[in-house]
All heavy atoms as atom14 arrays in JSON, in Angstrom:
{
  "sequence": "PYVDAVLSIFGPSRCLFGSDWPVCLVAADYQSVKRALDDCLSGLT",
  "atom14_mask": [
    [1, 1, 1, 1, 1, 1, 1, 0, 0, 0, 0, 0, 0, 0],
    [1, 1, 1, 1, 1, 1, 1, 1, 1, 1, 1, 1, 0, 0],
    [1, 1, 1, 1, 1, 1, 1, 0, 0, 0, 0, 0, 0, 0],
    [1, 1, 1, 1, 1, 1, 1, 1, 0, 0, 0, 0, 0, 0],
    [1, 1, 1, 1, 1, 0, 0, 0, 0, 0, 0, 0, 0, 0],
    [1, 1, 1, 1, 1, 1, 1, 0, 0, 0, 0, 0, 0, 0],
    [1, 1, 1, 1, 1, 1, 1, 1, 0, 0, 0, 0, 0, 0],
    [1, 1, 1, 1, 1, 1, 0, 0, 0, 0, 0, 0, 0, 0],
    [1, 1, 1, 1, 1, 1, 1, 1, 0, 0, 0, 0, 0, 0],
    [1, 1, 1, 1, 1, 1, 1, 1, 1, 1, 1, 0, 0, 0],
    [1, 1, 1, 1, 0, 0, 0, 0, 0, 0, 0, 0, 0, 0],
    [1, 1, 1, 1, 1, 1, 1, 0, 0, 0, 0, 0, 0, 0],
    [1, 1, 1, 1, 1, 1, 0, 0, 0, 0, 0, 0, 0, 0],
    [1, 1, 1, 1, 1, 1, 1, 1, 1, 1, 1, 0, 0, 0],
    [1, 1, 1, 1, 1, 1, 0, 0, 0, 0, 0, 0, 0, 0],
    [1, 1, 1, 1, 1, 1, 1, 1, 0, 0, 0, 0, 0, 0],
    [1, 1, 1, 1, 1, 1, 1, 1, 1, 1, 1, 0, 0, 0],
    [1, 1, 1, 1, 0, 0, 0, 0, 0, 0, 0, 0, 0, 0],
    [1, 1, 1, 1, 1, 1, 0, 0, 0, 0, 0, 0, 0, 0],
    [1, 1, 1, 1, 1, 1, 1, 1, 0, 0, 0, 0, 0, 0],
    [1, 1, 1, 1, 1, 1, 1, 1, 1, 1, 1, 1, 1, 1],
    [1, 1, 1, 1, 1, 1, 1, 0, 0, 0, 0, 0, 0, 0],
    [1, 1, 1, 1, 1, 1, 1, 0, 0, 0, 0, 0, 0, 0],
    [1, 1, 1, 1, 1, 1, 0, 0, 0, 0, 0, 0, 0, 0],
    [1, 1, 1, 1, 1, 1, 1, 1, 0, 0, 0, 0, 0, 0],
    [1, 1, 1, 1, 1, 1, 1, 0, 0, 0, 0, 0, 0, 0],
    [1, 1, 1, 1, 1, 0, 0, 0, 0, 0, 0, 0, 0, 0],
    [1, 1, 1, 1, 1, 0, 0, 0, 0, 0, 0, 0, 0, 0],
    [1, 1, 1, 1, 1, 1, 1, 1, 0, 0, 0, 0, 0, 0],
    [1, 1, 1, 1, 1, 1, 1, 1, 1, 1, 1, 1, 0, 0],
    [1, 1, 1, 1, 1, 1, 1, 1, 1, 0, 0, 0, 0, 0],
    [1, 1, 1, 1, 1, 1, 0, 0, 0, 0, 0, 0, 0, 0],
    [1, 1, 1, 1, 1, 1, 1, 0, 0, 0, 0, 0, 0, 0],
    [1, 1, 1, 1, 1, 1, 1, 1, 1, 0, 0, 0, 0, 0],
    [1, 1, 1, 1, 1, 1, 1, 1, 1, 1, 1, 0, 0, 0],
    [1, 1, 1, 1, 1, 0, 0, 0, 0, 0, 0, 0, 0, 0],
    [1, 1, 1, 1, 1, 1, 1, 1, 0, 0, 0, 0, 0, 0],
    [1, 1, 1, 1, 1, 1, 1, 1, 0, 0, 0, 0, 0, 0],
    [1, 1, 1, 1, 1, 1, 1, 1, 0, 0, 0, 0, 0, 0],
    [1, 1, 1, 1, 1, 1, 0, 0, 0, 0, 0, 0, 0, 0],
    [1, 1, 1, 1, 1, 1, 1, 1, 0, 0, 0, 0, 0, 0],
    [1, 1, 1, 1, 1, 1, 0, 0, 0, 0, 0, 0, 0, 0],
    [1, 1, 1, 1, 0, 0, 0, 0, 0, 0, 0, 0, 0, 0],
    [1, 1, 1, 1, 1, 1, 1, 1, 0, 0, 0, 0, 0, 0],
    [1, 1, 1, 1, 1, 1, 1, 0, 0, 0, 0, 0, 0, 0]
  ],
  "atom14_positions": [
    [[-16.77, -67.76, -25.81], [-16.08, -68.66, -26.77], [-14.54, -68.49, -26.72], [-13.83, -69.49, -26.92], [-16.61, -68.22, -28.13], [-17.87, -67.47, -27.85], [-17.69, -66.86, -26.52], [0.0, 0.0, 0.0], [0.0, 0.0, 0.0], [0.0, 0.0, 0.0], [0.0, 0.0, 0.0], [0.0, 0.0, 0.0], [0.0, 0.0, 0.0], [0.0, 0.0, 0.0]],
    [[-14.08, -67.29, -26.43], [-12.64, -67.05, -26.38], [-12.04, -67.61, -25.1], [-10.94, -68.2, -25.12], [-12.39, -65.54, -26.5], [-12.94, -64.98, -27.77], [-14.24, -64.47, -27.84], [-12.19, -65.0, -28.94], [-14.76, -63.99, -29.04], [-12.7, -64.52, -30.14], [-14.0, -64.02, -30.18], [-14.51, -63.55, -31.37], [0.0, 0.0, 0.0], [0.0, 0.0, 0.0]],
    [[-12.74, -67.46, -23.98], [-12.29, -68.08, -22.72], [-12.25, -69.59, -22.87], [-11.27, -70.26, -22.46], [-13.2, -67.66, -21.55], [-12.85, -68.43, -20.29], [-13.09, -66.16, -21.31], [0.0, 0.0, 0.0], [0.0, 0.0, 0.0], [0.0, 0.0, 0.0], [0.0, 0.0, 0.0], [0.0, 0.0, 0.0], [0.0, 0.0, 0.0], [0.0, 0.0, 0.0]],
    [[-13.29, -70.15, -23.47], [-13.34, -71.62, -23.66], [-12.18, -72.09, -24.53], [-11.57, -73.15, -24.25], [-14.68, -72.02, -24.3], [-15.86, -71.88, -23.37], [-15.65, -71.7, -22.15], [-17.01, -71.91, -23.86], [0.0, 0.0, 0.0], [0.0, 0.0, 0.0], [0.0, 0.0, 0.0], [0.0, 0.0, 0.0], [0.0, 0.0, 0.0], [0.0, 0.0, 0.0]],
    [[-11.87, -71.34, -25.58], [-10.78, -71.75, -26.47], [-9.45, -71.7, -25.73], [-8.63, -72.63, -25.89], [-10.72, -70.8, -27.68], [0.0, 0.0, 0.0], [0.0, 0.0, 0.0], [0.0, 0.0, 0.0], [0.0, 0.0, 0.0], [0.0, 0.0, 0.0], [0.0, 0.0, 0.0], [0.0, 0.0, 0.0], [0.0, 0.0, 0.0], [0.0, 0.0, 0.0]],
    [[-9.22, -70.65, -24.92], [-7.97, -70.57, -24.18], [-7.86, -71.69, -23.16], [-6.8, -72.31, -23.01], [-7.87, -69.18, -23.5], [-6.71, -69.15, -22.5], [-7.68, -68.09, -24.55], [0.0, 0.0, 0.0], [0.0, 0.0, 0.0], [0.0, 0.0, 0.0], [0.0, 0.0, 0.0], [0.0, 0.0, 0.0], [0.0, 0.0, 0.0], [0.0, 0.0, 0.0]],
    [[-8.94, -72.0, -22.46], [-8.92, -73.09, -21.5], [-8.62, -74.41, -22.17], [-7.92, -75.25, -21.61], [-10.26, -73.16, -20.74], [-10.49, -72.09, -19.69], [-11.91, -72.19, -19.14], [-9.48, -72.21, -18.54], [0.0, 0.0, 0.0], [0.0, 0.0, 0.0], [0.0, 0.0, 0.0], [0.0, 0.0, 0.0], [0.0, 0.0, 0.0], [0.0, 0.0, 0.0]],
    [[-9.14, -74.6, -23.38], [-8.88, -75.87, -24.07], [-7.43, -76.0, -24.51], [-6.91, -77.11, -24.62], [-9.81, -75.99, -25.3], [-9.39, -75.14, -26.35], [0.0, 0.0, 0.0], [0.0, 0.0, 0.0], [0.0, 0.0, 0.0], [0.0, 0.0, 0.0], [0.0, 0.0, 0.0], [0.0, 0.0, 0.0], [0.0, 0.0, 0.0], [0.0, 0.0, 0.0]],
    [[-6.79, -74.88, -24.74], [-5.38, -74.89, -25.2], [-4.43, -74.96, -24.0], [-3.49, -75.78, -23.98], [-5.09, -73.61, -26.02], [-5.87, -73.64, -27.34], [-3.58, -73.48, -26.3], [-5.91, -72.31, -28.05], [0.0, 0.0, 0.0], [0.0, 0.0, 0.0], [0.0, 0.0, 0.0], [0.0, 0.0, 0.0], [0.0, 0.0, 0.0], [0.0, 0.0, 0.0]],
    [[-4.66, -74.12, -23.01], [-3.71, -73.99, -21.9], [-4.1, -74.78, -20.66], [-3.23, -75.14, -19.87], [-3.55, -72.51, -21.51], [-2.86, -71.68, -22.56], [-3.57, -71.03, -23.54], [-1.49, -71.54, -22.53], [-2.94, -70.27, -24.49], [-0.83, -70.77, -23.48], [-1.56, -70.14, -24.46], [0.0, 0.0, 0.0], [0.0, 0.0, 0.0], [0.0, 0.0, 0.0]],
    [[-5.39, -75.01, -20.47], [-5.87, -75.63, -19.24], [-5.87, -74.63, -18.09], [-5.12, -73.65, -18.11], [0.0, 0.0, 0.0], [0.0, 0.0, 0.0], [0.0, 0.0, 0.0], [0.0, 0.0, 0.0], [0.0, 0.0, 0.0], [0.0, 0.0, 0.0], [0.0, 0.0, 0.0], [0.0, 0.0, 0.0], [0.0, 0.0, 0.0], [0.0, 0.0, 0.0]],
    [[-6.68, -74.85, -17.04], [-6.73, -73.91, -15.92], [-5.4, -73.71, -15.23], [-5.12, -72.64, -14.71], [-7.75, -74.57, -14.96], [-8.58, -75.45, -15.84], [-7.67, -75.95, -16.92], [0.0, 0.0, 0.0], [0.0, 0.0, 0.0], [0.0, 0.0, 0.0], [0.0, 0.0, 0.0], [0.0, 0.0, 0.0], [0.0, 0.0, 0.0], [0.0, 0.0, 0.0]],
    [[-4.53, -74.71, -15.28], [-3.24, -74.6, -14.57], [-2.29, -73.61, -15.23], [-1.29, -73.24, -14.64], [-2.58, -75.97, -14.47], [-2.18, -76.42, -15.76], [0.0, 0.0, 0.0], [0.0, 0.0, 0.0], [0.0, 0.0, 0.0], [0.0, 0.0, 0.0], [0.0, 0.0, 0.0], [0.0, 0.0, 0.0], [0.0, 0.0, 0.0], [0.0, 0.0, 0.0]],
    [[-2.61, -73.18, -16.45], [-1.73, -72.24, -17.17], [-2.48, -70.98, -17.56], [-2.04, -70.22, -18.43], [-1.14, -72.9, -18.42], [-0.04, -73.95, -18.13], [1.16, -73.29, -17.51], [2.29, -74.22, -17.3], [2.53, -74.84, -16.18], [1.71, -74.68, -15.15], [3.59, -75.65, -16.05], [0.0, 0.0, 0.0], [0.0, 0.0, 0.0], [0.0, 0.0, 0.0]],
    [[-3.62, -70.71, -16.88], [-4.37, -69.47, -17.15], [-4.41, -68.64, -15.89], [-4.43, -69.16, -14.78], [-5.79, -69.8, -17.58], [-5.93, -70.52, -19.23], [0.0, 0.0, 0.0], [0.0, 0.0, 0.0], [0.0, 0.0, 0.0], [0.0, 0.0, 0.0], [0.0, 0.0, 0.0], [0.0, 0.0, 0.0], [0.0, 0.0, 0.0], [0.0, 0.0, 0.0]],
    [[-4.39, -67.3, -16.05], [-4.48, -66.42, -14.91], [-5.31, -65.19, -15.21], [-5.38, -64.74, -16.37], [-3.09, -66.0, -14.41], [-2.12, -65.32, -15.36], [-1.22, -64.36, -14.6], [-1.24, -66.36, -16.06], [0.0, 0.0, 0.0], [0.0, 0.0, 0.0], [0.0, 0.0, 0.0], [0.0, 0.0, 0.0], [0.0, 0.0, 0.0], [0.0, 0.0, 0.0]],
    [[-5.98, -64.68, -14.19], [-6.84, -63.52, -14.27], [-6.01, -62.24, -14.32], [-5.03, -62.07, -13.62], [-7.76, -63.47, -13.06], [-8.33, -62.11, -12.73], [-9.19, -61.48, -13.61], [-8.02, -61.47, -11.52], [-9.71, -60.22, -13.31], [-8.54, -60.23, -11.22], [-9.4, -59.61, -12.12], [0.0, 0.0, 0.0], [0.0, 0.0, 0.0], [0.0, 0.0, 0.0]],
    [[-6.44, -61.31, -15.17], [-5.9, -59.97, -15.19], [-6.99, -58.98, -15.51], [-7.81, -59.23, -16.38], [0.0, 0.0, 0.0], [0.0, 0.0, 0.0], [0.0, 0.0, 0.0], [0.0, 0.0, 0.0], [0.0, 0.0, 0.0], [0.0, 0.0, 0.0], [0.0, 0.0, 0.0], [0.0, 0.0, 0.0], [0.0, 0.0, 0.0], [0.0, 0.0, 0.0]],
    [[-6.99, -57.83, -14.82], [-8.05, -56.84, -15.07], [-7.74, -55.91, -16.23], [-8.64, -55.37, -16.86], [-8.23, -56.0, -13.8], [-7.08, -55.18, -13.56], [0.0, 0.0, 0.0], [0.0, 0.0, 0.0], [0.0, 0.0, 0.0], [0.0, 0.0, 0.0], [0.0, 0.0, 0.0], [0.0, 0.0, 0.0], [0.0, 0.0, 0.0], [0.0, 0.0, 0.0]],
    [[-6.45, -55.68, -16.45], [-5.97, -54.64, -17.38], [-6.5, -53.26, -17.0], [-6.72, -52.41, -17.83], [-6.35, -54.95, -18.84], [-5.5, -54.17, -19.85], [-4.38, -53.77, -19.47], [-5.96, -53.94, -20.97], [0.0, 0.0, 0.0], [0.0, 0.0, 0.0], [0.0, 0.0, 0.0], [0.0, 0.0, 0.0], [0.0, 0.0, 0.0], [0.0, 0.0, 0.0]],
    [[-6.68, -53.05, -15.69], [-7.05, -51.73, -15.17], [-5.84, -50.81, -15.26], [-4.72, -51.26, -15.06], [-7.45, -51.88, -13.7], [-7.9, -50.63, -13.01], [-9.16, -50.19, -12.84], [-7.05, -49.65, -12.38], [-9.16, -49.0, -12.15], [-7.87, -48.65, -11.85], [-5.66, -49.53, -12.2], [-7.38, -47.54, -11.18], [-5.15, -48.43, -11.54], [-5.99, -47.43, -11.03]],
    [[-5.99, -49.55, -15.63], [-7.23, -48.83, -15.93], [-7.63, -48.82, -17.39], [-8.6, -48.15, -17.76], [-6.92, -47.41, -15.46], [-5.45, -47.25, -15.77], [-4.84, -48.62, -15.53], [0.0, 0.0, 0.0], [0.0, 0.0, 0.0], [0.0, 0.0, 0.0], [0.0, 0.0, 0.0], [0.0, 0.0, 0.0], [0.0, 0.0, 0.0], [0.0, 0.0, 0.0]],
    [[-6.91, -49.55, -18.26], [-7.32, -49.61, -19.67], [-8.76, -50.09, -19.78], [-9.56, -49.58, -20.58], [-6.4, -50.51, -20.5], [-6.82, -50.52, -21.96], [-4.95, -50.07, -20.36], [0.0, 0.0, 0.0], [0.0, 0.0, 0.0], [0.0, 0.0, 0.0], [0.0, 0.0, 0.0], [0.0, 0.0, 0.0], [0.0, 0.0, 0.0], [0.0, 0.0, 0.0]],
    [[-9.13, -51.06, -18.94], [-10.47, -51.64, -19.0], [-11.58, -50.63, -18.79], [-12.72, -50.84, -19.22], [-10.62, -52.76, -17.97], [-10.56, -52.18, -16.23], [0.0, 0.0, 0.0], [0.0, 0.0, 0.0], [0.0, 0.0, 0.0], [0.0, 0.0, 0.0], [0.0, 0.0, 0.0], [0.0, 0.0, 0.0], [0.0, 0.0, 0.0], [0.0, 0.0, 0.0]],
    [[-11.26, -49.5, -18.14], [-12.29, -48.54, -17.75], [-13.0, -47.9, -18.95], [-14.09, -47.35, -18.8], [-11.69, -47.44, -16.86], [-11.15, -47.93, -15.52], [-10.52, -46.76, -14.75], [-12.22, -48.61, -14.69], [0.0, 0.0, 0.0], [0.0, 0.0, 0.0], [0.0, 0.0, 0.0], [0.0, 0.0, 0.0], [0.0, 0.0, 0.0], [0.0, 0.0, 0.0]],
    [[-12.41, -47.97, -20.14], [-13.11, -47.46, -21.31], [-14.32, -48.32, -21.66], [-15.22, -47.9, -22.41], [-12.2, -47.32, -22.55], [-11.06, -46.34, -22.28], [-11.64, -48.68, -22.98], [0.0, 0.0, 0.0], [0.0, 0.0, 0.0], [0.0, 0.0, 0.0], [0.0, 0.0, 0.0], [0.0, 0.0, 0.0], [0.0, 0.0, 0.0], [0.0, 0.0, 0.0]],
    [[-14.33, -49.57, -21.13], [-15.41, -50.51, -21.47], [-16.14, -51.04, -20.24], [-17.3, -51.49, -20.36], [-14.86, -51.69, -22.26], [0.0, 0.0, 0.0], [0.0, 0.0, 0.0], [0.0, 0.0, 0.0], [0.0, 0.0, 0.0], [0.0, 0.0, 0.0], [0.0, 0.0, 0.0], [0.0, 0.0, 0.0], [0.0, 0.0, 0.0], [0.0, 0.0, 0.0]],
    [[-15.51, -51.02, -19.07], [-16.14, -51.62, -17.88], [-15.38, -51.23, -16.62], [-14.17, -51.0, -16.67], [-16.13, -53.14, -18.0], [0.0, 0.0, 0.0], [0.0, 0.0, 0.0], [0.0, 0.0, 0.0], [0.0, 0.0, 0.0], [0.0, 0.0, 0.0], [0.0, 0.0, 0.0], [0.0, 0.0, 0.0], [0.0, 0.0, 0.0], [0.0, 0.0, 0.0]],
    [[-16.09, -51.18, -15.49], [-15.4, -50.95, -14.23], [-14.74, -52.25, -13.75], [-14.95, -53.32, -14.3], [-16.33, -50.36, -13.17], [-17.49, -51.28, -12.79], [-17.33, -52.53, -12.86], [-18.56, -50.77, -12.41], [0.0, 0.0, 0.0], [0.0, 0.0, 0.0], [0.0, 0.0, 0.0], [0.0, 0.0, 0.0], [0.0, 0.0, 0.0], [0.0, 0.0, 0.0]],
    [[-13.92, -52.12, -12.71], [-13.12, -53.25, -12.25], [-13.98, -54.45, -11.89], [-13.71, -55.59, -12.32], [-12.27, -52.81, -11.05], [-11.18, -53.81, -10.69], [-9.87, -53.58, -11.06], [-11.49, -54.98, -9.98], [-8.85, -54.48, -10.74], [-10.49, -55.88, -9.66], [-9.18, -55.64, -10.05], [-8.2, -56.55, -9.77], [0.0, 0.0, 0.0], [0.0, 0.0, 0.0]],
    [[-15.01, -54.22, -11.1], [-15.84, -55.35, -10.65], [-16.54, -56.04, -11.81], [-16.69, -57.25, -11.81], [-16.86, -54.86, -9.62], [-16.26, -54.6, -8.24], [-17.3, -54.19, -7.23], [-17.63, -53.02, -7.14], [-17.84, -55.13, -6.48], [0.0, 0.0, 0.0], [0.0, 0.0, 0.0], [0.0, 0.0, 0.0], [0.0, 0.0, 0.0], [0.0, 0.0, 0.0]],
    [[-16.94, -55.28, -12.82], [-17.6, -55.87, -13.99], [-16.65, -56.78, -14.76], [-17.06, -57.82, -15.28], [-18.15, -54.78, -14.91], [-19.15, -54.03, -14.25], [0.0, 0.0, 0.0], [0.0, 0.0, 0.0], [0.0, 0.0, 0.0], [0.0, 0.0, 0.0], [0.0, 0.0, 0.0], [0.0, 0.0, 0.0], [0.0, 0.0, 0.0], [0.0, 0.0, 0.0]],
    [[-15.38, -56.38, -14.85], [-14.39, -57.23, -15.52], [-14.23, -58.55, -14.78], [-14.27, -59.63, -15.4], [-13.04, -56.48, -15.63], [-11.96, -57.42, -16.15], [-13.15, -55.28, -16.53], [0.0, 0.0, 0.0], [0.0, 0.0, 0.0], [0.0, 0.0, 0.0], [0.0, 0.0, 0.0], [0.0, 0.0, 0.0], [0.0, 0.0, 0.0], [0.0, 0.0, 0.0]],
    [[-14.06, -58.48, -13.47], [-13.89, -59.71, -12.69], [-15.16, -60.57, -12.75], [-15.09, -61.79, -12.87], [-13.51, -59.38, -11.27], [-13.23, -60.61, -10.41], [-12.61, -60.24, -9.07], [-12.35, -61.46, -8.21], [-13.58, -61.95, -7.58], [0.0, 0.0, 0.0], [0.0, 0.0, 0.0], [0.0, 0.0, 0.0], [0.0, 0.0, 0.0], [0.0, 0.0, 0.0]],
    [[-16.32, -59.94, -12.64], [-17.58, -60.66, -12.66], [-17.79, -61.35, -14.01], [-18.29, -62.5, -14.05], [-18.75, -59.7, -12.39], [-20.07, -60.38, -12.09], [-21.16, -59.37, -11.79], [-20.77, -58.45, -10.75], [-20.65, -57.13, -10.9], [-20.87, -56.56, -12.08], [-20.31, -56.37, -9.88], [0.0, 0.0, 0.0], [0.0, 0.0, 0.0], [0.0, 0.0, 0.0]],
    [[-17.39, -60.71, -15.08], [-17.54, -61.33, -16.41], [-16.7, -62.59, -16.54], [-17.16, -63.6, -17.09], [-17.15, -60.32, -17.51], [0.0, 0.0, 0.0], [0.0, 0.0, 0.0], [0.0, 0.0, 0.0], [0.0, 0.0, 0.0], [0.0, 0.0, 0.0], [0.0, 0.0, 0.0], [0.0, 0.0, 0.0], [0.0, 0.0, 0.0], [0.0, 0.0, 0.0]],
    [[-15.47, -62.55, -16.02], [-14.64, -63.74, -16.06], [-15.22, -64.81, -15.15], [-15.22, -66.0, -15.51], [-13.2, -63.42, -15.68], [-12.22, -64.6, -15.82], [-12.25, -65.19, -17.22], [-10.8, -64.18, -15.44], [0.0, 0.0, 0.0], [0.0, 0.0, 0.0], [0.0, 0.0, 0.0], [0.0, 0.0, 0.0], [0.0, 0.0, 0.0], [0.0, 0.0, 0.0]],
    [[-15.72, -64.41, -14.0], [-16.4, -65.38, -13.12], [-17.53, -66.09, -13.87], [-17.67, -67.31, -13.77], [-16.99, -64.65, -11.91], [-16.06, -64.64, -10.7], [-15.23, -65.57, -10.58], [-16.16, -63.71, -9.89], [0.0, 0.0, 0.0], [0.0, 0.0, 0.0], [0.0, 0.0, 0.0], [0.0, 0.0, 0.0], [0.0, 0.0, 0.0], [0.0, 0.0, 0.0]],
    [[-18.32, -65.32, -14.6], [-19.44, -65.9, -15.38], [-18.91, -66.91, -16.37], [-19.46, -68.02, -16.52], [-20.19, -64.8, -16.13], [-20.98, -63.89, -15.21], [-21.19, -64.24, -14.03], [-21.4, -62.82, -15.69], [0.0, 0.0, 0.0], [0.0, 0.0, 0.0], [0.0, 0.0, 0.0], [0.0, 0.0, 0.0], [0.0, 0.0, 0.0], [0.0, 0.0, 0.0]],
    [[-17.81, -66.57, -17.06], [-17.27, -67.44, -18.11], [-16.63, -68.7, -17.52], [-16.47, -69.71, -18.24], [-16.24, -66.69, -18.93], [-16.92, -65.38, -19.97], [0.0, 0.0, 0.0], [0.0, 0.0, 0.0], [0.0, 0.0, 0.0], [0.0, 0.0, 0.0], [0.0, 0.0, 0.0], [0.0, 0.0, 0.0], [0.0, 0.0, 0.0], [0.0, 0.0, 0.0]],
    [[-16.26, -68.66, -16.24], [-15.61, -69.79, -15.59], [-16.54, -70.55, -14.66], [-16.1, -71.33, -13.81], [-14.38, -69.32, -14.82], [-13.29, -68.6, -15.62], [-12.19, -68.09, -14.68], [-12.69, -69.53, -16.68], [0.0, 0.0, 0.0], [0.0, 0.0, 0.0], [0.0, 0.0, 0.0], [0.0, 0.0, 0.0], [0.0, 0.0, 0.0], [0.0, 0.0, 0.0]],
    [[-17.84, -70.35, -14.78], [-18.79, -70.89, -13.83], [-18.79, -72.42, -13.79], [-19.2, -73.01, -12.78], [-20.21, -70.4, -14.15], [-20.6, -70.82, -15.45], [0.0, 0.0, 0.0], [0.0, 0.0, 0.0], [0.0, 0.0, 0.0], [0.0, 0.0, 0.0], [0.0, 0.0, 0.0], [0.0, 0.0, 0.0], [0.0, 0.0, 0.0], [0.0, 0.0, 0.0]],
    [[-18.3, -73.07, -14.84], [-18.27, -74.53, -14.87], [-17.07, -75.14, -14.22], [-16.95, -76.37, -14.14], [0.0, 0.0, 0.0], [0.0, 0.0, 0.0], [0.0, 0.0, 0.0], [0.0, 0.0, 0.0], [0.0, 0.0, 0.0], [0.0, 0.0, 0.0], [0.0, 0.0, 0.0], [0.0, 0.0, 0.0], [0.0, 0.0, 0.0], [0.0, 0.0, 0.0]],
    [[-16.14, -74.34, -13.73], [-14.9, -74.85, -13.15], [-15.09, -75.25, -11.71], [-16.01, -74.79, -11.02], [-13.79, -73.79, -13.27], [-12.91, -73.85, -14.52], [-13.74, -73.74, -15.79], [-11.86, -72.73, -14.47], [0.0, 0.0, 0.0], [0.0, 0.0, 0.0], [0.0, 0.0, 0.0], [0.0, 0.0, 0.0], [0.0, 0.0, 0.0], [0.0, 0.0, 0.0]],
    [[-14.21, -76.08, -11.22], [-14.2, -76.45, -9.81], [-13.62, -75.31, -8.98], [-12.98, -74.39, -9.51], [-13.34, -77.71, -9.55], [-11.97, -77.39, -9.83], [-13.78, -78.86, -10.45], [0.0, 0.0, 0.0], [0.0, 0.0, 0.0], [0.0, 0.0, 0.0], [0.0, 0.0, 0.0], [0.0, 0.0, 0.0], [0.0, 0.0, 0.0], [0.0, 0.0, 0.0]]
  ]
}
């Protein structure tokens, strides 16, 4: 829902991926962070 809200406000042309590594490691490894965003963006071209 948060990814969808950001896309509706900024559009894909104004959004960019960031891992926030190594802060992310308290909750997920690097690949899991990227894979989660991939999942959330599955409807994009």
